[in-house]
Amino acid sequence: MCVANSTPAAAQPPCAERPDLIILDAMMSYDFQGLVLIKEIRQDPTLAAIPIILVSAVLRTAEHALLEALPANAIDAFLVKPIEPSLVLEHVERLIVGRALPQGMAQ
């Protein structure tokens, strides 16, 4: 697990290792760097397939415009803070555990 509070910190070890899932806040360092980081992740062939859950306290007009500017399917889930732990677990299960099951196998 890696915790980073800025875009540069997200690129440092141990964050430099390829994670199974990224949970990312739209606001990093008091700006919209989370949305910028999503674009960078999706443009990197070694990281592009990693599922991303985007979280935000409020989807303000500026964030909404930036979110709409992301490529289609850039995020796999969007959660509004405060986040219900059961909802996080549901998305993690769907995005990680569900992907690991062989096709056609029920969960």
C-alpha atoms as a PDB file:
ATOM      1  CA  MET A   1       0.000   0.000   0.000  1.00  0.00           C
ATOM      2  CA  CYS A   2       1.161   3.491  -0.779  1.00  0.00           C
ATOM      3  CA  VAL A   3      -0.184   6.770   0.552  1.00  0.00           C
ATOM      4  CA  ALA A   4       0.765   9.991  -1.215  1.00  0.00           C
ATOM      5  CA  ASN A   5      -0.527  13.520  -0.659  1.00  0.00           C
ATOM      6  CA  SER A   6       0.847  15.005  -3.877  1.00  0.00           C
ATOM      7  CA  THR A   7       1.519  14.014  -7.470  1.00  0.00           C
ATOM      8  CA  PRO A   8       5.340  13.943  -7.027  1.00  0.00           C
ATOM      9  CA  ALA A   9       4.983  11.801  -3.883  1.00  0.00           C
ATOM     10  CA  ALA A  10       2.876   9.304  -5.836  1.00  0.00           C
ATOM     11  CA  ALA A  11       5.828   8.666  -8.148  1.00  0.00           C
ATOM     12  CA  GLN A  12       8.278   7.882  -5.325  1.00  0.00           C
ATOM     13  CA  PRO A  13       9.000   4.415  -3.842  1.00  0.00           C
ATOM     14  CA  PRO A  14       7.034   2.506  -2.620  1.00  0.00           C
ATOM     15  CA  CYS A  15       4.423   4.235  -4.769  1.00  0.00           C
ATOM     16  CA  ALA A  16       6.539   3.601  -7.850  1.00  0.00           C
ATOM     17  CA  GLU A  17       5.605  -0.110  -7.646  1.00  0.00           C
ATOM     18  CA  ARG A  18       2.657  -1.144  -9.806  1.00  0.00           C
ATOM     19  CA  PRO A  19      -0.435  -1.301  -7.530  1.00  0.00           C
ATOM     20  CA  ASP A  20      -3.505  -3.504  -8.065  1.00  0.00           C
ATOM     21  CA  LEU A  21      -5.834  -0.541  -7.526  1.00  0.00           C
ATOM     22  CA  ILE A  22      -5.565   3.230  -7.150  1.00  0.00           C
ATOM     23  CA  ILE A  23      -7.890   5.216  -4.886  1.00  0.00           C
ATOM     24  CA  LEU A  24      -7.304   8.831  -5.749  1.00  0.00           C
ATOM     25  CA  ASP A  25      -8.697  12.101  -4.426  1.00  0.00           C
ATOM     26  CA  ALA A  26      -9.535  14.684  -7.076  1.00  0.00           C
ATOM     27  CA  MET A  27      -7.936  17.328  -4.854  1.00  0.00           C
ATOM     28  CA  MET A  28      -4.241  16.853  -4.096  1.00  0.00           C
ATOM     29  CA  SER A  29      -2.141  19.672  -2.660  1.00  0.00           C
ATOM     30  CA  TYR A  30      -5.134  22.031  -2.749  1.00  0.00           C
ATOM     31  CA  ASP A  31      -5.591  21.800  -6.512  1.00  0.00           C
ATOM     32  CA  PHE A  32      -6.934  19.360  -9.071  1.00  0.00           C
ATOM     33  CA  GLN A  33      -3.717  17.354  -9.396  1.00  0.00           C
ATOM     34  CA  GLY A  34      -5.612  14.113  -8.842  1.00  0.00           C
ATOM     35  CA  LEU A  35      -7.342  14.617 -12.170  1.00  0.00           C
ATOM     36  CA  VAL A  36      -4.017  15.439 -13.822  1.00  0.00           C
ATOM     37  CA  LEU A  37      -2.518  12.294 -12.325  1.00  0.00           C
ATOM     38  CA  ILE A  38      -5.332  10.199 -13.819  1.00  0.00           C
ATOM     39  CA  LYS A  39      -4.411  11.466 -17.286  1.00  0.00           C
ATOM     40  CA  GLU A  40      -0.749  10.624 -16.659  1.00  0.00           C
ATOM     41  CA  ILE A  41      -1.627   7.124 -15.424  1.00  0.00           C
ATOM     42  CA  ARG A  42      -3.850   6.411 -18.424  1.00  0.00           C
ATOM     43  CA  GLN A  43      -1.117   7.566 -20.833  1.00  0.00           C
ATOM     44  CA  ASP A  44       1.489   5.245 -19.293  1.00  0.00           C
ATOM     45  CA  PRO A  45       1.234   1.790 -20.927  1.00  0.00           C
ATOM     46  CA  THR A  46       2.577   0.078 -17.783  1.00  0.00           C
ATOM     47  CA  LEU A  47      -0.106   1.682 -15.579  1.00  0.00           C
ATOM     48  CA  ALA A  48      -3.055   2.253 -17.922  1.00  0.00           C
ATOM     49  CA  ALA A  49      -4.924  -0.945 -17.015  1.00  0.00           C
ATOM     50  CA  ILE A  50      -4.889  -0.312 -13.244  1.00  0.00           C
ATOM     51  CA  PRO A  51      -8.412   0.390 -11.981  1.00  0.00           C
ATOM     52  CA  ILE A  52      -8.929   3.855 -10.475  1.00  0.00           C
ATOM     53  CA  ILE A  53     -11.502   4.878  -7.889  1.00  0.00           C
ATOM     54  CA  LEU A  54     -11.795   8.673  -7.793  1.00  0.00           C
ATOM     55  CA  VAL A  55     -13.064  10.335  -4.610  1.00  0.00           C
ATOM     56  CA  SER A  56     -14.095  13.920  -3.975  1.00  0.00           C
ATOM     57  CA  ALA A  57     -15.800  15.837  -1.181  1.00  0.00           C
ATOM     58  CA  VAL A  58     -17.675  18.056  -3.602  1.00  0.00           C
ATOM     59  CA  LEU A  59     -17.848  17.961  -7.346  1.00  0.00           C
ATOM     60  CA  ARG A  60     -17.634  21.675  -7.964  1.00  0.00           C
ATOM     61  CA  THR A  61     -18.060  23.273 -11.379  1.00  0.00           C
ATOM     62  CA  ALA A  62     -14.313  23.452 -11.999  1.00  0.00           C
ATOM     63  CA  GLU A  63     -13.807  19.803 -11.014  1.00  0.00           C
ATOM     64  CA  HIS A  64     -16.787  18.767 -13.102  1.00  0.00           C
ATOM     65  CA  ALA A  65     -15.287  20.406 -16.195  1.00  0.00           C
ATOM     66  CA  LEU A  66     -11.934  18.715 -15.570  1.00  0.00           C
ATOM     67  CA  LEU A  67     -13.640  15.379 -14.972  1.00  0.00           C
ATOM     68  CA  GLU A  68     -15.518  15.702 -18.254  1.00  0.00           C
ATOM     69  CA  ALA A  69     -12.205  16.422 -20.010  1.00  0.00           C
ATOM     70  CA  LEU A  70     -10.851  13.005 -18.977  1.00  0.00           C
ATOM     71  CA  PRO A  71     -10.867  10.316 -21.646  1.00  0.00           C
ATOM     72  CA  ALA A  72     -13.815   7.918 -21.641  1.00  0.00           C
ATOM     73  CA  ASN A  73     -13.374   5.136 -19.076  1.00  0.00           C
ATOM     74  CA  ALA A  74     -10.517   7.002 -17.360  1.00  0.00           C
ATOM     75  CA  ILE A  75     -11.977   6.151 -13.951  1.00  0.00           C
ATOM     76  CA  ASP A  76     -13.628   2.919 -12.886  1.00  0.00           C
ATOM     77  CA  ALA A  77     -15.663   4.302  -9.980  1.00  0.00           C
ATOM     78  CA  PHE A  78     -16.476   7.659  -8.407  1.00  0.00           C
ATOM     79  CA  LEU A  79     -17.226   8.063  -4.694  1.00  0.00           C
ATOM     80  CA  VAL A  80     -18.382  11.176  -2.860  1.00  0.00           C
ATOM     81  CA  LYS A  81     -16.956  11.902   0.604  1.00  0.00           C
ATOM     82  CA  PRO A  82     -17.733  11.006   3.284  1.00  0.00           C
ATOM     83  CA  ILE A  83     -17.194   7.522   1.931  1.00  0.00           C
ATOM     84  CA  GLU A  84     -19.108   4.533   3.240  1.00  0.00           C
ATOM     85  CA  PRO A  85     -16.562   1.742   3.931  1.00  0.00           C
ATOM     86  CA  SER A  86     -18.973  -0.893   2.609  1.00  0.00           C
ATOM     87  CA  LEU A  87     -19.172   0.962  -0.706  1.00  0.00           C
ATOM     88  CA  VAL A  88     -15.366   1.052  -0.976  1.00  0.00           C
ATOM     89  CA  LEU A  89     -15.223  -2.682  -0.301  1.00  0.00           C
ATOM     90  CA  GLU A  90     -17.913  -3.293  -2.920  1.00  0.00           C
ATOM     91  CA  HIS A  91     -15.899  -1.442  -5.571  1.00  0.00           C
ATOM     92  CA  VAL A  92     -12.615  -3.092  -4.538  1.00  0.00           C
ATOM     93  CA  GLU A  93     -14.245  -6.491  -4.810  1.00  0.00           C
ATOM     94  CA  ARG A  94     -15.675  -5.664  -8.222  1.00  0.00           C
ATOM     95  CA  LEU A  95     -12.460  -4.146  -9.563  1.00  0.00           C
ATOM     96  CA  ILE A  96      -9.861  -6.514  -8.106  1.00  0.00           C
ATOM     97  CA  VAL A  97     -11.449  -9.735  -6.929  1.00  0.00           C
ATOM     98  CA  GLY A  98     -13.975  -9.876  -9.767  1.00  0.00           C
ATOM     99  CA  ARG A  99     -11.250  -9.365 -12.384  1.00  0.00           C
ATOM    100  CA  ALA A 100      -9.199 -12.216 -10.925  1.00  0.00           C
ATOM    101  CA  LEU A 101     -11.987 -14.796 -11.331  1.00  0.00           C
ATOM    102  CA  PRO A 102     -11.943 -16.900 -14.493  1.00  0.00           C
ATOM    103  CA  GLN A 103     -14.538 -15.848 -17.058  1.00  0.00           C
ATOM    104  CA  GLY A 104     -17.939 -17.358 -16.429  1.00  0.00           C
ATOM    105  CA  MET A 105     -17.229 -18.118 -12.754  1.00  0.00           C
ATOM    106  CA  ALA A 106     -19.808 -16.624 -10.395  1.00  0.00           C
ATOM    107  CA  GLN A 107     -18.686 -14.628  -7.396  1.00  0.00           C
END
